[in-house]
Amino acid sequence: MRSSNFLGVYGHAAIDVIYRSDEFPKPNTTVELKDRKQHFGGTAANVARIASTLDVRTSLACHVGDDFPKEYMDALKGSGVDTTDVVRLRGKRTPFIIMISDRDHNQIGFVDQAAVLEQEKLPIRTHTVDSSRFVHIGTGRPSYMLKVAKRARKKKKTVGFDPAQELHYVYTPETFKAVLEHADILFVNTAELEKVKSYLNLKEDPELLSYVKMVVNTRGSEGSRIITGDDEVLVGTIQPDKVVDTTGAGDGFRAGFYAGMSRSLSIEECAWVGAATASFVVESEGAQSTLPTWDMVQRRASRRKCV
């Protein structure tokens, strides 16, 4: 058992069912699905497992069903993840996601929250907050994540808030703002950034610094953008050997970003490490299928494509 961790991650561990299709159907039409594959997934588990393989001491807190595969738990532990707060709920299902990718790697997804819905009536798991320096709040029920954020702030932890696509259909402006007020770093992609500004009635991106100290904006093939009170840093992409599946690329970036922070690298260097880590994730199907080591990420980072 680890007595201390650098990173504590709250959110989903899920089963990803990934399909391919040449195109997405129009309403009231049908297209053929191909190549059904099942993988270990969930945003929190992705971040935690990838970070651990980059030698970041990481704890994972999530709720799963009593059908959670033993192989998945073994994989988390085998990668070095502290699983003290991975909780099986009796009589509940493990969350699962159906993800469909088209020929251009666009994706649509369908989520069954399953056991995670129980969070609203459960006490928070405290080991992951209390044992970690950085607390990453990912997907989950807003009321639960607010309690996590409050405890983390009380314990003087650095809090990263990453609601991901749940920002669009789980959070309201009120619940989002409530958690954000306890965060230090906000992680968003470009679509999520626009949603955040609409929730907070803001016009310009830097206005978010009235809530947090740093905004980490991932921009897909355009790289990333880090906004702080001192600077705005633009970082490009790292070319992968091939692109097979983009599921979990953003989670890989976050894991790499934290790996850089754990080594006290500059913000720009952290973003490059994130880009290098993400480049490995897209080379195979499923977010946890290619798990690079720190040495692999360092070598890959030399492929920098500046903006």
C-alpha atoms as a PDB file:
ATOM      1  CA  MET A   1       0.000   0.000   0.000  1.00  0.00           C
ATOM      2  CA  ARG A   2       1.348   3.395  -0.935  1.00  0.00           C
ATOM      3  CA  SER A   3       1.423   5.851   1.930  1.00  0.00           C
ATOM      4  CA  SER A   4       1.450   8.845  -0.413  1.00  0.00           C
ATOM      5  CA  ASN A   5       0.602   9.585  -4.034  1.00  0.00           C
ATOM      6  CA  PHE A   6       1.296  12.482  -6.331  1.00  0.00           C
ATOM      7  CA  LEU A   7      -2.016  12.185  -8.194  1.00  0.00           C
ATOM      8  CA  GLY A   8      -5.487  11.137  -7.084  1.00  0.00           C
ATOM      9  CA  VAL A   9      -8.088  10.620  -9.816  1.00  0.00           C
ATOM     10  CA  TYR A  10     -11.873  10.573  -9.332  1.00  0.00           C
ATOM     11  CA  GLY A  11     -14.255   9.485 -12.080  1.00  0.00           C
ATOM     12  CA  HIS A  12     -15.241   6.510 -14.195  1.00  0.00           C
ATOM     13  CA  ALA A  13     -13.776   3.089 -14.734  1.00  0.00           C
ATOM     14  CA  ALA A  14     -15.834   1.613 -17.550  1.00  0.00           C
ATOM     15  CA  ILE A  15     -15.976  -0.979 -20.256  1.00  0.00           C
ATOM     16  CA  ASP A  16     -15.622   0.563 -23.702  1.00  0.00           C
ATOM     17  CA  VAL A  17     -17.372  -1.205 -26.572  1.00  0.00           C
ATOM     18  CA  ILE A  18     -15.895   0.270 -29.739  1.00  0.00           C
ATOM     19  CA  TYR A  19     -17.395  -0.046 -33.207  1.00  0.00           C
ATOM     20  CA  ARG A  20     -16.383   1.319 -36.570  1.00  0.00           C
ATOM     21  CA  SER A  21     -18.672   2.557 -39.306  1.00  0.00           C
ATOM     22  CA  ASP A  22     -17.958   4.220 -42.633  1.00  0.00           C
ATOM     23  CA  GLU A  23     -20.331   7.015 -41.691  1.00  0.00           C
ATOM     24  CA  PHE A  24     -22.839   8.039 -39.060  1.00  0.00           C
ATOM     25  CA  PRO A  25     -26.515   7.451 -39.861  1.00  0.00           C
ATOM     26  CA  LYS A  26     -28.925  10.258 -40.483  1.00  0.00           C
ATOM     27  CA  PRO A  27     -32.053  10.237 -38.243  1.00  0.00           C
ATOM     28  CA  ASN A  28     -34.385   7.335 -38.985  1.00  0.00           C
ATOM     29  CA  THR A  29     -31.806   5.540 -41.134  1.00  0.00           C
ATOM     30  CA  THR A  30     -29.403   2.653 -40.570  1.00  0.00           C
ATOM     31  CA  VAL A  31     -25.724   2.036 -41.272  1.00  0.00           C
ATOM     32  CA  GLU A  32     -23.609  -1.058 -40.758  1.00  0.00           C
ATOM     33  CA  LEU A  33     -21.418  -1.390 -37.672  1.00  0.00           C
ATOM     34  CA  LYS A  34     -18.082  -3.188 -38.010  1.00  0.00           C
ATOM     35  CA  ASP A  35     -15.246  -4.572 -35.929  1.00  0.00           C
ATOM     36  CA  ARG A  36     -16.793  -4.720 -32.456  1.00  0.00           C
ATOM     37  CA  LYS A  37     -14.064  -4.695 -29.797  1.00  0.00           C
ATOM     38  CA  GLN A  38     -14.242  -4.455 -26.011  1.00  0.00           C
ATOM     39  CA  HIS A  39     -11.610  -2.592 -23.985  1.00  0.00           C
ATOM     40  CA  PHE A  40     -10.859  -1.326 -20.508  1.00  0.00           C
ATOM     41  CA  GLY A  41     -11.821   2.356 -20.321  1.00  0.00           C
ATOM     42  CA  GLY A  42     -13.418   5.182 -18.387  1.00  0.00           C
ATOM     43  CA  THR A  43     -11.820   8.609 -18.190  1.00  0.00           C
ATOM     44  CA  ALA A  44     -10.520   8.320 -14.631  1.00  0.00           C
ATOM     45  CA  ALA A  45      -9.120   4.825 -15.050  1.00  0.00           C
ATOM     46  CA  ASN A  46      -7.481   5.880 -18.316  1.00  0.00           C
ATOM     47  CA  VAL A  47      -5.740   8.829 -16.681  1.00  0.00           C
ATOM     48  CA  ALA A  48      -4.743   6.832 -13.607  1.00  0.00           C
ATOM     49  CA  ARG A  49      -3.356   3.818 -15.447  1.00  0.00           C
ATOM     50  CA  ILE A  50      -1.458   5.819 -18.056  1.00  0.00           C
ATOM     51  CA  ALA A  51      -0.015   8.129 -15.377  1.00  0.00           C
ATOM     52  CA  SER A  52       1.102   5.141 -13.335  1.00  0.00           C
ATOM     53  CA  THR A  53       2.980   3.646 -16.286  1.00  0.00           C
ATOM     54  CA  LEU A  54       4.758   7.019 -16.525  1.00  0.00           C
ATOM     55  CA  ASP A  55       5.984   6.447 -12.955  1.00  0.00           C
ATOM     56  CA  VAL A  56       3.506   8.831 -11.321  1.00  0.00           C
ATOM     57  CA  ARG A  57       2.294   7.566  -7.962  1.00  0.00           C
ATOM     58  CA  THR A  58      -1.456   7.518  -8.595  1.00  0.00           C
ATOM     59  CA  SER A  59      -4.614   6.566  -6.723  1.00  0.00           C
ATOM     60  CA  LEU A  60      -7.946   5.868  -8.449  1.00  0.00           C
ATOM     61  CA  ALA A  61     -11.374   6.445  -6.875  1.00  0.00           C
ATOM     62  CA  CYS A  62     -14.405   5.094  -8.735  1.00  0.00           C
ATOM     63  CA  HIS A  63     -17.590   3.061  -8.338  1.00  0.00           C
ATOM     64  CA  VAL A  64     -18.121  -0.066 -10.409  1.00  0.00           C
ATOM     65  CA  GLY A  65     -20.551  -2.963 -10.381  1.00  0.00           C
ATOM     66  CA  ASP A  66     -20.105  -6.415  -8.963  1.00  0.00           C
ATOM     67  CA  ASP A  67     -19.510  -7.496 -12.573  1.00  0.00           C
ATOM     68  CA  PHE A  68     -16.284  -5.468 -12.760  1.00  0.00           C
ATOM     69  CA  PRO A  69     -13.824  -7.815 -14.497  1.00  0.00           C
ATOM     70  CA  LYS A  70     -11.087  -9.292 -12.332  1.00  0.00           C
ATOM     71  CA  GLU A  71      -8.789  -8.835 -15.314  1.00  0.00           C
ATOM     72  CA  TYR A  72      -9.417  -5.094 -15.235  1.00  0.00           C
ATOM     73  CA  MET A  73      -8.605  -4.834 -11.531  1.00  0.00           C
ATOM     74  CA  ASP A  74      -5.477  -6.919 -12.076  1.00  0.00           C
ATOM     75  CA  ALA A  75      -4.441  -4.619 -14.934  1.00  0.00           C
ATOM     76  CA  LEU A  76      -4.830  -1.513 -12.764  1.00  0.00           C
ATOM     77  CA  LYS A  77      -2.810  -3.036  -9.943  1.00  0.00           C
ATOM     78  CA  GLY A  78      -0.240  -4.398 -12.374  1.00  0.00           C
ATOM     79  CA  SER A  79       0.344  -0.889 -13.696  1.00  0.00           C
ATOM     80  CA  GLY A  80       0.925   0.348 -10.152  1.00  0.00           C
ATOM     81  CA  VAL A  81      -2.398   2.114  -9.542  1.00  0.00           C
ATOM     82  CA  ASP A  82      -3.434   2.445  -5.902  1.00  0.00           C
ATOM     83  CA  THR A  83      -6.903   0.826  -6.025  1.00  0.00           C
ATOM     84  CA  THR A  84      -7.925   1.375  -2.397  1.00  0.00           C
ATOM     85  CA  ASP A  85     -10.895   3.481  -3.533  1.00  0.00           C
ATOM     86  CA  VAL A  86     -12.062   1.305  -6.434  1.00  0.00           C
ATOM     87  CA  VAL A  87     -15.394   0.195  -4.967  1.00  0.00           C
ATOM     88  CA  ARG A  88     -17.655  -2.596  -6.205  1.00  0.00           C
ATOM     89  CA  LEU A  89     -21.336  -1.921  -5.497  1.00  0.00           C
ATOM     90  CA  ARG A  90     -23.371  -5.052  -4.901  1.00  0.00           C
ATOM     91  CA  GLY A  91     -26.219  -5.558  -7.351  1.00  0.00           C
ATOM     92  CA  LYS A  92     -25.063  -2.755  -9.678  1.00  0.00           C
ATOM     93  CA  ARG A  93     -23.514  -2.838 -13.143  1.00  0.00           C
ATOM     94  CA  THR A  94     -20.147  -1.462 -14.174  1.00  0.00           C
ATOM     95  CA  PRO A  95     -20.519   1.625 -16.394  1.00  0.00           C
ATOM     96  CA  PHE A  96     -20.085   0.954 -20.088  1.00  0.00           C
ATOM     97  CA  ILE A  97     -19.739   3.095 -23.165  1.00  0.00           C
ATOM     98  CA  ILE A  98     -20.641   2.296 -26.759  1.00  0.00           C
ATOM     99  CA  MET A  99     -18.302   4.322 -28.971  1.00  0.00           C
ATOM    100  CA  ILE A 100     -18.662   4.509 -32.745  1.00  0.00           C
ATOM    101  CA  SER A 101     -15.923   5.948 -34.974  1.00  0.00           C
ATOM    102  CA  ASP A 102     -16.321   6.906 -38.621  1.00  0.00           C
ATOM    103  CA  ARG A 103     -13.653   6.736 -41.322  1.00  0.00           C
ATOM    104  CA  ASP A 104     -12.372  10.211 -40.348  1.00  0.00           C
ATOM    105  CA  HIS A 105     -12.016   9.259 -36.655  1.00  0.00           C
ATOM    106  CA  ASN A 106     -15.006  11.348 -35.611  1.00  0.00           C
ATOM    107  CA  GLN A 107     -16.803   9.697 -32.703  1.00  0.00           C
ATOM    108  CA  ILE A 108     -20.246   9.460 -31.149  1.00  0.00           C
ATOM    109  CA  GLY A 109     -20.863   7.690 -27.868  1.00  0.00           C
ATOM    110  CA  PHE A 110     -23.613   6.313 -25.660  1.00  0.00           C
ATOM    111  CA  VAL A 111     -22.994   6.010 -21.927  1.00  0.00           C
ATOM    112  CA  ASP A 112     -24.670   3.757 -19.379  1.00  0.00           C
ATOM    113  CA  GLN A 113     -23.711   5.368 -16.050  1.00  0.00           C
ATOM    114  CA  ALA A 114     -24.815   2.289 -14.071  1.00  0.00           C
ATOM    115  CA  ALA A 115     -23.061   2.179 -10.651  1.00  0.00           C
ATOM    116  CA  VAL A 116     -21.945   5.811 -10.900  1.00  0.00           C
ATOM    117  CA  LEU A 117     -25.557   6.946 -10.459  1.00  0.00           C
ATOM    118  CA  GLU A 118     -25.337   5.702  -6.871  1.00  0.00           C
ATOM    119  CA  GLN A 119     -22.734   8.361  -5.995  1.00  0.00           C
ATOM    120  CA  GLU A 120     -25.422  10.875  -5.092  1.00  0.00           C
ATOM    121  CA  LYS A 121     -26.279   8.892  -1.971  1.00  0.00           C
ATOM    122  CA  LEU A 122     -22.806   7.636  -1.051  1.00  0.00           C
ATOM    123  CA  PRO A 123     -20.122   9.193   1.167  1.00  0.00           C
ATOM    124  CA  ILE A 124     -16.976  10.154  -0.698  1.00  0.00           C
ATOM    125  CA  ARG A 125     -13.929   7.909  -0.731  1.00  0.00           C
ATOM    126  CA  THR A 126     -11.324   9.913   1.180  1.00  0.00           C
ATOM    127  CA  HIS A 127      -8.084   7.939   0.767  1.00  0.00           C
ATOM    128  CA  THR A 128      -7.488   9.276  -2.738  1.00  0.00           C
ATOM    129  CA  VAL A 129      -7.837  12.908  -1.640  1.00  0.00           C
ATOM    130  CA  ASP A 130      -5.915  12.528   1.574  1.00  0.00           C
ATOM    131  CA  SER A 131      -2.973  10.587   0.107  1.00  0.00           C
ATOM    132  CA  SER A 132      -2.407  12.750  -2.988  1.00  0.00           C
ATOM    133  CA  ARG A 133      -0.852  16.153  -3.721  1.00  0.00           C
ATOM    134  CA  PHE A 134      -2.929  16.729  -6.872  1.00  0.00           C
ATOM    135  CA  VAL A 135      -6.587  15.712  -7.072  1.00  0.00           C
ATOM    136  CA  HIS A 136      -8.062  15.300 -10.559  1.00  0.00           C
ATOM    137  CA  ILE A 137     -11.869  15.507 -10.554  1.00  0.00           C
ATOM    138  CA  GLY A 138     -13.234  13.892 -13.692  1.00  0.00           C
ATOM    139  CA  THR A 139     -16.596  12.527 -14.748  1.00  0.00           C
ATOM    140  CA  GLY A 140     -19.221  11.591 -12.162  1.00  0.00           C
ATOM    141  CA  ARG A 141     -22.208  12.990 -10.318  1.00  0.00           C
ATOM    142  CA  PRO A 142     -21.840  16.726  -9.615  1.00  0.00           C
ATOM    143  CA  SER A 143     -23.007  16.496  -6.000  1.00  0.00           C
ATOM    144  CA  TYR A 144     -20.377  13.828  -5.264  1.00  0.00           C
ATOM    145  CA  MET A 145     -17.602  15.694  -7.057  1.00  0.00           C
ATOM    146  CA  LEU A 146     -18.458  18.870  -5.157  1.00  0.00           C
ATOM    147  CA  LYS A 147     -17.866  17.026  -1.878  1.00  0.00           C
ATOM    148  CA  VAL A 148     -14.546  15.739  -3.219  1.00  0.00           C
ATOM    149  CA  ALA A 149     -13.531  19.241  -4.295  1.00  0.00           C
ATOM    150  CA  LYS A 150     -14.423  20.733  -0.921  1.00  0.00           C
ATOM    151  CA  ARG A 151     -12.411  18.123   0.951  1.00  0.00           C
ATOM    152  CA  ALA A 152      -9.463  18.584  -1.373  1.00  0.00           C
ATOM    153  CA  ARG A 153      -9.521  22.345  -0.887  1.00  0.00           C
ATOM    154  CA  LYS A 154      -9.798  21.940   2.882  1.00  0.00           C
ATOM    155  CA  LYS A 155      -6.774  19.615   2.777  1.00  0.00           C
ATOM    156  CA  LYS A 156      -4.887  22.220   0.689  1.00  0.00           C
ATOM    157  CA  LYS A 157      -4.521  19.956  -2.335  1.00  0.00           C
ATOM    158  CA  THR A 158      -4.146  21.245  -5.889  1.00  0.00           C
ATOM    159  CA  VAL A 159      -7.406  20.470  -7.717  1.00  0.00           C
ATOM    160  CA  GLY A 160      -7.805  19.818 -11.439  1.00  0.00           C
ATOM    161  CA  PHE A 161     -11.392  19.830 -12.734  1.00  0.00           C
ATOM    162  CA  ASP A 162     -12.118  17.880 -15.921  1.00  0.00           C
ATOM    163  CA  PRO A 163     -15.865  17.303 -16.430  1.00  0.00           C
ATOM    164  CA  ALA A 164     -15.286  16.283 -20.073  1.00  0.00           C
ATOM    165  CA  GLN A 165     -18.367  15.621 -22.203  1.00  0.00           C
ATOM    166  CA  GLU A 166     -20.537  15.358 -19.098  1.00  0.00           C
ATOM    167  CA  LEU A 167     -20.349  19.134 -19.054  1.00  0.00           C
ATOM    168  CA  HIS A 168     -22.971  19.074 -21.823  1.00  0.00           C
ATOM    169  CA  TYR A 169     -25.526  16.698 -20.304  1.00  0.00           C
ATOM    170  CA  VAL A 170     -24.831  16.091 -16.593  1.00  0.00           C
ATOM    171  CA  TYR A 171     -23.802  19.503 -15.306  1.00  0.00           C
ATOM    172  CA  THR A 172     -25.891  22.652 -15.114  1.00  0.00           C
ATOM    173  CA  PRO A 173     -24.414  26.158 -14.913  1.00  0.00           C
ATOM    174  CA  GLU A 174     -25.024  26.093 -11.167  1.00  0.00           C
ATOM    175  CA  THR A 175     -23.472  22.701 -10.429  1.00  0.00           C
ATOM    176  CA  PHE A 176     -20.507  23.408 -12.711  1.00  0.00           C
ATOM    177  CA  LYS A 177     -19.747  26.723 -11.049  1.00  0.00           C
ATOM    178  CA  ALA A 178     -20.044  25.164  -7.587  1.00  0.00           C
ATOM    179  CA  VAL A 179     -17.241  22.669  -8.320  1.00  0.00           C
ATOM    180  CA  LEU A 180     -15.145  25.149 -10.307  1.00  0.00           C
ATOM    181  CA  GLU A 181     -14.964  27.497  -7.330  1.00  0.00           C
ATOM    182  CA  HIS A 182     -12.873  24.851  -5.530  1.00  0.00           C
ATOM    183  CA  ALA A 183     -10.544  24.113  -8.468  1.00  0.00           C
ATOM    184  CA  ASP A 184      -7.094  25.381  -9.420  1.00  0.00           C
ATOM    185  CA  ILE A 185      -6.836  23.958 -12.959  1.00  0.00           C
ATOM    186  CA  LEU A 186      -9.587  23.525 -15.561  1.00  0.00           C
ATOM    187  CA  PHE A 187      -9.118  20.935 -18.337  1.00  0.00           C
ATOM    188  CA  VAL A 188     -11.336  21.402 -21.417  1.00  0.00           C
ATOM    189  CA  ASN A 189     -11.357  20.721 -25.123  1.00  0.00           C
ATOM    190  CA  THR A 190     -12.471  23.474 -27.489  1.00  0.00           C
ATOM    191  CA  ALA A 191     -16.191  22.597 -27.491  1.00  0.00           C
ATOM    192  CA  GLU A 192     -16.170  22.307 -23.701  1.00  0.00           C
ATOM    193  CA  LEU A 193     -14.420  25.660 -23.401  1.00  0.00           C
ATOM    194  CA  GLU A 194     -17.271  27.343 -25.240  1.00  0.00           C
ATOM    195  CA  LYS A 195     -19.829  25.594 -23.036  1.00  0.00           C
ATOM    196  CA  VAL A 196     -17.955  26.735 -19.912  1.00  0.00           C
ATOM    197  CA  LYS A 197     -18.001  30.350 -21.049  1.00  0.00           C
ATOM    198  CA  SER A 198     -21.730  30.137 -21.751  1.00  0.00           C
ATOM    199  CA  TYR A 199     -22.351  28.687 -18.274  1.00  0.00           C
ATOM    200  CA  LEU A 200     -20.389  31.511 -16.649  1.00  0.00           C
ATOM    201  CA  ASN A 201     -21.549  34.292 -18.999  1.00  0.00           C
ATOM    202  CA  LEU A 202     -17.976  35.034 -20.073  1.00  0.00           C
ATOM    203  CA  LYS A 203     -16.853  36.310 -23.475  1.00  0.00           C
ATOM    204  CA  GLU A 204     -13.063  35.905 -23.418  1.00  0.00           C
ATOM    205  CA  ASP A 205     -11.071  32.827 -22.455  1.00  0.00           C
ATOM    206  CA  PRO A 206      -8.707  34.638 -20.029  1.00  0.00           C
ATOM    207  CA  GLU A 207     -11.720  35.686 -17.947  1.00  0.00           C
ATOM    208  CA  LEU A 208     -11.725  32.117 -16.627  1.00  0.00           C
ATOM    209  CA  LEU A 209      -8.654  33.047 -14.592  1.00  0.00           C
ATOM    210  CA  SER A 210     -10.991  34.804 -12.178  1.00  0.00           C
ATOM    211  CA  TYR A 211     -12.036  31.269 -11.169  1.00  0.00           C
ATOM    212  CA  VAL A 212      -8.904  29.118 -11.649  1.00  0.00           C
ATOM    213  CA  LYS A 213      -5.143  29.611 -11.866  1.00  0.00           C
ATOM    214  CA  MET A 214      -4.723  27.685 -15.100  1.00  0.00           C
ATOM    215  CA  VAL A 215      -6.802  26.609 -18.100  1.00  0.00           C
ATOM    216  CA  VAL A 216      -5.546  23.624 -20.106  1.00  0.00           C
ATOM    217  CA  ASN A 217      -7.295  23.645 -23.487  1.00  0.00           C
ATOM    218  CA  THR A 218      -6.694  20.577 -25.660  1.00  0.00           C
ATOM    219  CA  ARG A 219      -7.371  21.233 -29.345  1.00  0.00           C
ATOM    220  CA  GLY A 220      -7.021  17.883 -31.089  1.00  0.00           C
ATOM    221  CA  SER A 221      -4.784  18.031 -34.160  1.00  0.00           C
ATOM    222  CA  GLU A 222      -4.045  21.703 -33.405  1.00  0.00           C
ATOM    223  CA  GLY A 223      -2.216  20.856 -30.184  1.00  0.00           C
ATOM    224  CA  SER A 224      -2.949  22.532 -26.871  1.00  0.00           C
ATOM    225  CA  ARG A 225      -3.127  25.924 -25.247  1.00  0.00           C
ATOM    226  CA  ILE A 226      -2.288  26.713 -21.640  1.00  0.00           C
ATOM    227  CA  ILE A 227      -3.581  29.959 -20.145  1.00  0.00           C
ATOM    228  CA  THR A 228      -2.214  31.316 -16.854  1.00  0.00           C
ATOM    229  CA  GLY A 229      -2.043  34.745 -15.285  1.00  0.00           C
ATOM    230  CA  ASP A 230       1.539  35.078 -16.497  1.00  0.00           C
ATOM    231  CA  ASP A 231       1.379  33.725 -20.016  1.00  0.00           C
ATOM    232  CA  GLU A 232      -0.500  31.941 -22.778  1.00  0.00           C
ATOM    233  CA  VAL A 233       1.435  28.972 -24.136  1.00  0.00           C
ATOM    234  CA  LEU A 234       0.665  27.322 -27.473  1.00  0.00           C
ATOM    235  CA  VAL A 235       1.991  23.803 -27.950  1.00  0.00           C
ATOM    236  CA  GLY A 236       1.777  21.768 -31.129  1.00  0.00           C
ATOM    237  CA  THR A 237       1.309  18.080 -31.770  1.00  0.00           C
ATOM    238  CA  ILE A 238       3.495  14.974 -31.717  1.00  0.00           C
ATOM    239  CA  GLN A 239       3.242  12.817 -34.814  1.00  0.00           C
ATOM    240  CA  PRO A 240       2.245   9.206 -34.023  1.00  0.00           C
ATOM    241  CA  ASP A 241       3.462   6.283 -36.101  1.00  0.00           C
ATOM    242  CA  LYS A 242      -0.140   5.695 -37.147  1.00  0.00           C
ATOM    243  CA  VAL A 243      -3.670   6.667 -36.143  1.00  0.00           C
ATOM    244  CA  VAL A 244      -5.926   3.715 -35.377  1.00  0.00           C
ATOM    245  CA  ASP A 245      -8.398   5.042 -32.800  1.00  0.00           C
ATOM    246  CA  THR A 246      -8.575   8.396 -31.019  1.00  0.00           C
ATOM    247  CA  THR A 247     -10.473   7.068 -27.968  1.00  0.00           C
ATOM    248  CA  GLY A 248      -8.708   8.272 -24.829  1.00  0.00           C
ATOM    249  CA  ALA A 249      -6.246  10.640 -26.511  1.00  0.00           C
ATOM    250  CA  GLY A 250      -7.335  13.473 -24.217  1.00  0.00           C
ATOM    251  CA  ASP A 251      -6.924  11.248 -21.169  1.00  0.00           C
ATOM    252  CA  GLY A 252      -3.431  10.384 -22.356  1.00  0.00           C
ATOM    253  CA  PHE A 253      -2.622  14.077 -22.634  1.00  0.00           C
ATOM    254  CA  ARG A 254      -3.792  14.682 -19.074  1.00  0.00           C
ATOM    255  CA  ALA A 255      -1.772  11.760 -17.721  1.00  0.00           C
ATOM    256  CA  GLY A 256       1.325  13.038 -19.507  1.00  0.00           C
ATOM    257  CA  PHE A 257       0.708  16.587 -18.306  1.00  0.00           C
ATOM    258  CA  TYR A 258       0.619  15.389 -14.710  1.00  0.00           C
ATOM    259  CA  ALA A 259       3.716  13.260 -15.312  1.00  0.00           C
ATOM    260  CA  GLY A 260       5.527  16.423 -16.311  1.00  0.00           C
ATOM    261  CA  MET A 261       4.219  18.288 -13.275  1.00  0.00           C
ATOM    262  CA  SER A 262       5.358  15.469 -10.995  1.00  0.00           C
ATOM    263  CA  ARG A 263       8.885  16.091 -12.310  1.00  0.00           C
ATOM    264  CA  SER A 264       8.611  19.884 -11.843  1.00  0.00           C
ATOM    265  CA  LEU A 265       8.857  20.596 -15.571  1.00  0.00           C
ATOM    266  CA  SER A 266       7.735  23.922 -17.030  1.00  0.00           C
ATOM    267  CA  ILE A 267       4.125  24.249 -18.139  1.00  0.00           C
ATOM    268  CA  GLU A 268       5.213  24.160 -21.782  1.00  0.00           C
ATOM    269  CA  GLU A 269       7.235  20.993 -21.224  1.00  0.00           C
ATOM    270  CA  CYS A 270       4.293  19.405 -19.394  1.00  0.00           C
ATOM    271  CA  ALA A 271       2.110  20.056 -22.437  1.00  0.00           C
ATOM    272  CA  TRP A 272       4.694  18.507 -24.763  1.00  0.00           C
ATOM    273  CA  VAL A 273       4.835  15.429 -22.537  1.00  0.00           C
ATOM    274  CA  GLY A 274       1.037  15.315 -22.725  1.00  0.00           C
ATOM    275  CA  ALA A 275       1.140  15.515 -26.516  1.00  0.00           C
ATOM    276  CA  ALA A 276       3.748  12.749 -26.709  1.00  0.00           C
ATOM    277  CA  THR A 277       1.705  10.497 -24.414  1.00  0.00           C
ATOM    278  CA  ALA A 278      -1.461  11.078 -26.438  1.00  0.00           C
ATOM    279  CA  SER A 279       0.389  10.134 -29.618  1.00  0.00           C
ATOM    280  CA  PHE A 280       0.901   6.619 -28.273  1.00  0.00           C
ATOM    281  CA  VAL A 281      -2.744   6.235 -27.222  1.00  0.00           C
ATOM    282  CA  VAL A 282      -4.046   6.752 -30.775  1.00  0.00           C
ATOM    283  CA  GLU A 283      -1.800   4.059 -32.247  1.00  0.00           C
ATOM    284  CA  SER A 284      -4.069   1.216 -31.148  1.00  0.00           C
ATOM    285  CA  GLU A 285      -7.733   0.682 -30.399  1.00  0.00           C
ATOM    286  CA  GLY A 286      -8.819   1.506 -26.871  1.00  0.00           C
ATOM    287  CA  ALA A 287      -7.398   4.058 -24.455  1.00  0.00           C
ATOM    288  CA  GLN A 288      -5.338   1.586 -22.422  1.00  0.00           C
ATOM    289  CA  SER A 289      -3.997  -0.653 -25.184  1.00  0.00           C
ATOM    290  CA  THR A 290      -0.697   1.203 -25.675  1.00  0.00           C
ATOM    291  CA  LEU A 291       0.867   2.239 -22.377  1.00  0.00           C
ATOM    292  CA  PRO A 292       4.149   4.083 -22.934  1.00  0.00           C
ATOM    293  CA  THR A 293       6.929   4.309 -20.390  1.00  0.00           C
ATOM    294  CA  TRP A 294       8.519   7.603 -19.387  1.00  0.00           C
ATOM    295  CA  ASP A 295      11.575   6.830 -21.537  1.00  0.00           C
ATOM    296  CA  MET A 296       9.327   6.160 -24.557  1.00  0.00           C
ATOM    297  CA  VAL A 297       7.506   9.456 -24.054  1.00  0.00           C
ATOM    298  CA  GLN A 298      10.769  11.384 -23.730  1.00  0.00           C
ATOM    299  CA  ARG A 299      12.043   9.969 -27.011  1.00  0.00           C
ATOM    300  CA  ARG A 300       8.745  10.610 -28.767  1.00  0.00           C
ATOM    301  CA  ALA A 301       8.705  14.234 -27.598  1.00  0.00           C
ATOM    302  CA  SER A 302      11.614  14.949 -29.940  1.00  0.00           C
ATOM    303  CA  ARG A 303       9.081  14.805 -32.812  1.00  0.00           C
ATOM    304  CA  ARG A 304       7.677  18.188 -31.816  1.00  0.00           C
ATOM    305  CA  LYS A 305       5.630  20.018 -34.404  1.00  0.00           C
ATOM    306  CA  CYS A 306       5.588  23.597 -33.222  1.00  0.00           C
ATOM    307  CA  VAL A 307       2.764  26.058 -33.859  1.00  0.00           C
END
